[in-house]
Amino acid sequence: MGNLIRHGGPPVWVILLFGVIALVDAALIVRRPDERKLAFLRAMSAATVFAMMAGFTAGVAKSINGCSALPPALRDRWTFLVAKGTAESLADVILGAALLALAWFIAAMGVRRQISE
């Protein structure tokens, strides 16, 4: 988890915030299922996905842009540096997807509970 936060950069905090809000809402759905809470979870999921996309693309763009400032002695290593930057940028996607998967798993228990009542 620490590596994901370190590699994710500043956008990771927005992803964490949105993901935790989604998790709390999912827990509330288990406690008392209701369509408004489910609608809010859908909206928070979309916000989390957009934050993941923004964080990932910003990280990749920064990696590519950084290659233009490489000293001549390191210019032949640009592919390695872009690959490393892309891998680090994926931390935003990994963290956001894990939080959303957990939130929707929890919400599914609440939906199942609502259907069985």
N, C-alpha and C. Protein backbone atom coordinates (compact mmCIF):
# COMPACT_ATOMS: atom_id res chain seq x y z
N MET A 1 0.83 -1.20 0.00
CA MET A 1 0.00 0.00 0.00
C MET A 1 0.87 1.26 0.00
N GLY A 2 1.94 1.23 0.76
CA GLY A 2 2.84 2.38 0.82
C GLY A 2 3.45 2.70 -0.54
N ASN A 3 3.83 1.65 -1.28
CA ASN A 3 4.40 1.87 -2.61
C ASN A 3 3.36 2.48 -3.55
N LEU A 4 2.11 2.03 -3.44
CA LEU A 4 1.07 2.60 -4.30
C LEU A 4 0.89 4.08 -4.03
N ILE A 5 0.90 4.45 -2.77
CA ILE A 5 0.73 5.87 -2.42
C ILE A 5 1.95 6.67 -2.88
N ARG A 6 3.13 6.13 -2.68
CA ARG A 6 4.35 6.84 -3.08
C ARG A 6 4.43 6.97 -4.60
N HIS A 7 4.14 5.90 -5.32
CA HIS A 7 4.24 5.94 -6.78
C HIS A 7 3.08 6.69 -7.42
N GLY A 8 1.93 6.73 -6.76
CA GLY A 8 0.76 7.37 -7.34
C GLY A 8 0.83 8.88 -7.43
N GLY A 9 1.67 9.48 -6.61
CA GLY A 9 1.81 10.94 -6.63
C GLY A 9 0.59 11.63 -6.03
N PRO A 10 0.49 12.93 -6.22
CA PRO A 10 -0.61 13.70 -5.63
C PRO A 10 -2.02 13.20 -6.00
N PRO A 11 -2.27 12.71 -7.23
CA PRO A 11 -3.63 12.25 -7.54
C PRO A 11 -4.10 11.09 -6.67
N VAL A 12 -3.16 10.35 -6.08
CA VAL A 12 -3.55 9.20 -5.28
C VAL A 12 -4.41 9.63 -4.08
N TRP A 13 -4.20 10.84 -3.58
CA TRP A 13 -4.98 11.30 -2.43
C TRP A 13 -6.44 11.54 -2.81
N VAL A 14 -6.67 12.02 -4.01
CA VAL A 14 -8.05 12.20 -4.49
C VAL A 14 -8.70 10.83 -4.69
N ILE A 15 -7.95 9.91 -5.25
CA ILE A 15 -8.46 8.55 -5.46
C ILE A 15 -8.78 7.88 -4.13
N LEU A 16 -7.90 8.03 -3.17
CA LEU A 16 -8.16 7.48 -1.82
C LEU A 16 -9.41 8.10 -1.20
N LEU A 17 -9.54 9.41 -1.31
CA LEU A 17 -10.71 10.08 -0.74
C LEU A 17 -11.99 9.56 -1.37
N PHE A 18 -12.05 9.56 -2.71
CA PHE A 18 -13.26 9.09 -3.40
C PHE A 18 -13.52 7.62 -3.11
N GLY A 19 -12.45 6.81 -3.09
CA GLY A 19 -12.61 5.39 -2.83
C GLY A 19 -13.10 5.10 -1.43
N VAL A 20 -12.60 5.83 -0.45
CA VAL A 20 -13.06 5.63 0.94
C VAL A 20 -14.52 6.08 1.08
N ILE A 21 -14.88 7.16 0.43
CA ILE A 21 -16.29 7.60 0.46
C ILE A 21 -17.17 6.51 -0.15
N ALA A 22 -16.73 5.90 -1.24
CA ALA A 22 -17.49 4.81 -1.87
C ALA A 22 -17.60 3.62 -0.92
N LEU A 23 -16.51 3.30 -0.21
CA LEU A 23 -16.54 2.19 0.75
C LEU A 23 -17.52 2.45 1.89
N VAL A 24 -17.52 3.67 2.40
CA VAL A 24 -18.45 4.03 3.49
C VAL A 24 -19.89 3.92 3.00
N ASP A 25 -20.15 4.42 1.79
CA ASP A 25 -21.50 4.32 1.25
C ASP A 25 -21.91 2.86 1.05
N ALA A 26 -20.98 2.03 0.60
CA ALA A 26 -21.27 0.60 0.43
C ALA A 26 -21.63 -0.04 1.76
N ALA A 27 -20.91 0.33 2.82
CA ALA A 27 -21.23 -0.19 4.15
C ALA A 27 -22.61 0.26 4.60
N LEU A 28 -22.97 1.49 4.25
CA LEU A 28 -24.32 1.97 4.59
C LEU A 28 -25.39 1.23 3.81
N ILE A 29 -25.06 0.82 2.59
CA ILE A 29 -26.01 0.03 1.79
C ILE A 29 -26.25 -1.32 2.45
N VAL A 30 -25.22 -1.93 3.01
CA VAL A 30 -25.39 -3.21 3.70
C VAL A 30 -26.29 -3.03 4.92
N ARG A 31 -26.07 -1.93 5.63
CA ARG A 31 -26.84 -1.66 6.84
C ARG A 31 -28.31 -1.42 6.53
N ARG A 32 -28.56 -0.57 5.54
CA ARG A 32 -29.95 -0.26 5.17
C ARG A 32 -29.98 0.02 3.66
N PRO A 33 -30.25 -1.02 2.86
CA PRO A 33 -30.25 -0.85 1.40
C PRO A 33 -31.31 0.17 0.95
N ASP A 34 -30.90 0.98 -0.01
CA ASP A 34 -31.83 1.98 -0.55
C ASP A 34 -31.28 2.48 -1.88
N GLU A 35 -32.18 2.78 -2.80
CA GLU A 35 -31.79 3.15 -4.17
C GLU A 35 -30.97 4.44 -4.21
N ARG A 36 -31.23 5.38 -3.31
CA ARG A 36 -30.46 6.63 -3.31
C ARG A 36 -29.00 6.38 -2.96
N LYS A 37 -28.76 5.48 -2.02
CA LYS A 37 -27.38 5.15 -1.65
C LYS A 37 -26.68 4.45 -2.82
N LEU A 38 -27.42 3.59 -3.50
CA LEU A 38 -26.85 2.90 -4.65
C LEU A 38 -26.53 3.90 -5.77
N ALA A 39 -27.39 4.87 -5.97
CA ALA A 39 -27.13 5.91 -6.98
C ALA A 39 -25.89 6.72 -6.61
N PHE A 40 -25.75 7.03 -5.32
CA PHE A 40 -24.56 7.76 -4.88
C PHE A 40 -23.30 6.93 -5.09
N LEU A 41 -23.38 5.62 -4.83
CA LEU A 41 -22.23 4.75 -5.06
C LEU A 41 -21.85 4.73 -6.54
N ARG A 42 -22.83 4.72 -7.41
CA ARG A 42 -22.53 4.77 -8.85
C ARG A 42 -21.80 6.07 -9.19
N ALA A 43 -22.28 7.18 -8.66
CA ALA A 43 -21.65 8.48 -8.94
C ALA A 43 -20.23 8.54 -8.37
N MET A 44 -20.03 8.05 -7.16
CA MET A 44 -18.69 8.05 -6.57
C MET A 44 -17.75 7.11 -7.32
N SER A 45 -18.30 6.03 -7.84
CA SER A 45 -17.49 5.11 -8.65
C SER A 45 -17.02 5.81 -9.91
N ALA A 46 -17.92 6.54 -10.56
CA ALA A 46 -17.53 7.29 -11.76
C ALA A 46 -16.47 8.33 -11.42
N ALA A 47 -16.65 9.04 -10.32
CA ALA A 47 -15.67 10.06 -9.91
C ALA A 47 -14.31 9.41 -9.64
N THR A 48 -14.33 8.25 -9.02
CA THR A 48 -13.08 7.54 -8.73
C THR A 48 -12.39 7.11 -10.03
N VAL A 49 -13.17 6.59 -10.97
CA VAL A 49 -12.61 6.17 -12.26
C VAL A 49 -12.00 7.36 -12.99
N PHE A 50 -12.70 8.50 -12.99
CA PHE A 50 -12.15 9.68 -13.66
C PHE A 50 -10.87 10.17 -12.98
N ALA A 51 -10.83 10.09 -11.66
CA ALA A 51 -9.61 10.47 -10.93
C ALA A 51 -8.47 9.50 -11.26
N MET A 52 -8.79 8.22 -11.39
CA MET A 52 -7.79 7.22 -11.77
C MET A 52 -7.23 7.54 -13.15
N MET A 53 -8.12 7.84 -14.10
CA MET A 53 -7.69 8.15 -15.46
C MET A 53 -6.83 9.41 -15.49
N ALA A 54 -7.24 10.43 -14.75
CA ALA A 54 -6.48 11.68 -14.72
C ALA A 54 -5.10 11.46 -14.10
N GLY A 55 -5.05 10.73 -13.00
CA GLY A 55 -3.77 10.46 -12.35
C GLY A 55 -2.84 9.65 -13.23
N PHE A 56 -3.38 8.63 -13.88
CA PHE A 56 -2.56 7.79 -14.75
C PHE A 56 -2.02 8.58 -15.94
N THR A 57 -2.90 9.31 -16.61
CA THR A 57 -2.46 10.04 -17.80
C THR A 57 -1.49 11.16 -17.44
N ALA A 58 -1.70 11.81 -16.29
CA ALA A 58 -0.77 12.85 -15.85
C ALA A 58 0.61 12.26 -15.57
N GLY A 59 0.64 11.09 -14.95
CA GLY A 59 1.92 10.44 -14.66
C GLY A 59 2.66 10.02 -15.93
N VAL A 60 1.92 9.47 -16.88
CA VAL A 60 2.55 9.06 -18.14
C VAL A 60 3.04 10.29 -18.90
N ALA A 61 2.22 11.34 -18.93
CA ALA A 61 2.63 12.57 -19.62
C ALA A 61 3.89 13.15 -18.98
N LYS A 62 3.96 13.13 -17.67
CA LYS A 62 5.15 13.65 -16.99
C LYS A 62 6.38 12.81 -17.33
N SER A 63 6.20 11.51 -17.42
CA SER A 63 7.32 10.64 -17.77
C SER A 63 7.82 10.92 -19.18
N ILE A 64 6.88 11.04 -20.10
CA ILE A 64 7.27 11.30 -21.50
C ILE A 64 7.91 12.68 -21.62
N ASN A 65 7.31 13.66 -20.97
CA ASN A 65 7.84 15.02 -21.02
C ASN A 65 9.24 15.09 -20.41
N GLY A 66 9.47 14.33 -19.35
CA GLY A 66 10.78 14.32 -18.71
C GLY A 66 11.89 13.81 -19.62
N CYS A 67 11.53 12.97 -20.57
CA CYS A 67 12.54 12.43 -21.50
C CYS A 67 13.12 13.51 -22.40
N SER A 68 12.34 14.56 -22.65
CA SER A 68 12.87 15.63 -23.51
C SER A 68 13.96 16.43 -22.80
N ALA A 69 14.02 16.34 -21.49
CA ALA A 69 15.02 17.10 -20.73
C ALA A 69 16.22 16.24 -20.32
N LEU A 70 16.28 15.02 -20.84
CA LEU A 70 17.40 14.14 -20.48
C LEU A 70 18.72 14.68 -21.02
N PRO A 71 19.77 14.54 -20.23
CA PRO A 71 21.09 14.91 -20.75
C PRO A 71 21.48 13.95 -21.88
N PRO A 72 22.31 14.41 -22.79
CA PRO A 72 22.69 13.58 -23.94
C PRO A 72 23.19 12.18 -23.58
N ALA A 73 23.86 12.05 -22.46
CA ALA A 73 24.41 10.75 -22.08
C ALA A 73 23.31 9.73 -21.73
N LEU A 74 22.14 10.20 -21.38
CA LEU A 74 21.05 9.30 -20.97
C LEU A 74 19.93 9.17 -22.01
N ARG A 75 20.04 9.85 -23.12
CA ARG A 75 18.95 9.86 -24.10
C ARG A 75 18.66 8.49 -24.69
N ASP A 76 19.63 7.61 -24.70
CA ASP A 76 19.38 6.27 -25.25
C ASP A 76 18.56 5.40 -24.27
N ARG A 77 18.36 5.88 -23.05
CA ARG A 77 17.58 5.12 -22.04
C ARG A 77 16.14 5.60 -21.92
N TRP A 78 15.67 6.43 -22.85
CA TRP A 78 14.34 7.01 -22.73
C TRP A 78 13.24 5.95 -22.67
N THR A 79 13.39 4.83 -23.38
CA THR A 79 12.34 3.81 -23.35
C THR A 79 12.21 3.19 -21.96
N PHE A 80 13.35 2.96 -21.32
CA PHE A 80 13.33 2.44 -19.95
C PHE A 80 12.64 3.42 -19.01
N LEU A 81 12.96 4.69 -19.15
CA LEU A 81 12.39 5.71 -18.26
C LEU A 81 10.88 5.87 -18.48
N VAL A 82 10.43 5.81 -19.72
CA VAL A 82 8.99 5.90 -19.99
C VAL A 82 8.28 4.66 -19.44
N ALA A 83 8.90 3.49 -19.60
CA ALA A 83 8.30 2.26 -19.06
C ALA A 83 8.20 2.33 -17.54
N LYS A 84 9.25 2.80 -16.90
CA LYS A 84 9.25 2.93 -15.43
C LYS A 84 8.20 3.94 -14.98
N GLY A 85 8.11 5.06 -15.67
CA GLY A 85 7.10 6.07 -15.32
C GLY A 85 5.69 5.57 -15.54
N THR A 86 5.48 4.81 -16.59
CA THR A 86 4.15 4.24 -16.85
C THR A 86 3.79 3.23 -15.76
N ALA A 87 4.74 2.41 -15.39
CA ALA A 87 4.49 1.43 -14.32
C ALA A 87 4.13 2.11 -13.01
N GLU A 88 4.84 3.18 -12.68
CA GLU A 88 4.53 3.91 -11.45
C GLU A 88 3.17 4.60 -11.56
N SER A 89 2.84 5.08 -12.74
CA SER A 89 1.55 5.75 -12.94
C SER A 89 0.39 4.78 -12.78
N LEU A 90 0.62 3.51 -13.03
CA LEU A 90 -0.43 2.51 -12.88
C LEU A 90 -0.84 2.31 -11.42
N ALA A 91 -0.06 2.83 -10.48
CA ALA A 91 -0.42 2.74 -9.06
C ALA A 91 -1.78 3.38 -8.81
N ASP A 92 -2.08 4.49 -9.51
CA ASP A 92 -3.38 5.14 -9.35
C ASP A 92 -4.51 4.22 -9.79
N VAL A 93 -4.31 3.53 -10.88
CA VAL A 93 -5.33 2.62 -11.41
C VAL A 93 -5.50 1.41 -10.49
N ILE A 94 -4.40 0.86 -10.03
CA ILE A 94 -4.44 -0.31 -9.15
C ILE A 94 -5.18 0.02 -7.86
N LEU A 95 -4.82 1.13 -7.23
CA LEU A 95 -5.45 1.49 -5.97
C LEU A 95 -6.94 1.78 -6.16
N GLY A 96 -7.27 2.57 -7.17
CA GLY A 96 -8.68 2.90 -7.41
C GLY A 96 -9.51 1.68 -7.74
N ALA A 97 -8.97 0.79 -8.58
CA ALA A 97 -9.72 -0.41 -8.94
C ALA A 97 -9.92 -1.33 -7.73
N ALA A 98 -8.92 -1.43 -6.88
CA ALA A 98 -9.05 -2.26 -5.68
C ALA A 98 -10.11 -1.70 -4.74
N LEU A 99 -10.10 -0.39 -4.55
CA LEU A 99 -11.10 0.23 -3.68
C LEU A 99 -12.50 0.05 -4.25
N LEU A 100 -12.65 0.24 -5.55
CA LEU A 100 -13.98 0.08 -6.16
C LEU A 100 -14.44 -1.37 -6.14
N ALA A 101 -13.54 -2.30 -6.37
CA ALA A 101 -13.91 -3.71 -6.30
C ALA A 101 -14.42 -4.07 -4.91
N LEU A 102 -13.72 -3.59 -3.90
CA LEU A 102 -14.14 -3.85 -2.53
C LEU A 102 -15.47 -3.17 -2.22
N ALA A 103 -15.63 -1.94 -2.65
CA ALA A 103 -16.89 -1.21 -2.40
C ALA A 103 -18.07 -1.92 -3.05
N TRP A 104 -17.90 -2.36 -4.29
CA TRP A 104 -19.02 -3.02 -4.97
C TRP A 104 -19.27 -4.42 -4.43
N PHE A 105 -18.24 -5.08 -3.94
CA PHE A 105 -18.45 -6.37 -3.28
C PHE A 105 -19.30 -6.18 -2.03
N ILE A 106 -18.96 -5.17 -1.25
CA ILE A 106 -19.74 -4.88 -0.03
C ILE A 106 -21.17 -4.48 -0.41
N ALA A 107 -21.31 -3.63 -1.41
CA ALA A 107 -22.64 -3.20 -1.85
C ALA A 107 -23.47 -4.39 -2.34
N ALA A 108 -22.82 -5.34 -2.98
CA ALA A 108 -23.54 -6.53 -3.48
C ALA A 108 -24.19 -7.29 -2.33
N MET A 109 -23.53 -7.32 -1.18
CA MET A 109 -24.13 -7.98 -0.01
C MET A 109 -25.40 -7.25 0.41
N GLY A 110 -25.37 -5.93 0.37
CA GLY A 110 -26.55 -5.15 0.71
C GLY A 110 -27.68 -5.34 -0.29
N VAL A 111 -27.32 -5.38 -1.57
CA VAL A 111 -28.34 -5.61 -2.61
C VAL A 111 -28.95 -6.98 -2.44
N ARG A 112 -28.12 -7.97 -2.15
CA ARG A 112 -28.66 -9.32 -1.92
C ARG A 112 -29.59 -9.34 -0.72
N ARG A 113 -29.21 -8.62 0.29
CA ARG A 113 -30.05 -8.53 1.49
C ARG A 113 -31.39 -7.88 1.15
N GLN A 114 -31.36 -6.84 0.32
CA GLN A 114 -32.59 -6.14 -0.06
C GLN A 114 -33.49 -7.06 -0.88
N ILE A 115 -32.91 -7.85 -1.77
CA ILE A 115 -33.70 -8.75 -2.61
C ILE A 115 -34.35 -9.84 -1.77
N SER A 116 -33.65 -10.33 -0.76
CA SER A 116 -34.17 -11.44 0.05
C SER A 116 -35.21 -10.99 1.07
N GLU A 117 -35.33 -9.68 1.29
CA GLU A 117 -36.31 -9.20 2.28
C GLU A 117 -37.70 -9.13 1.70
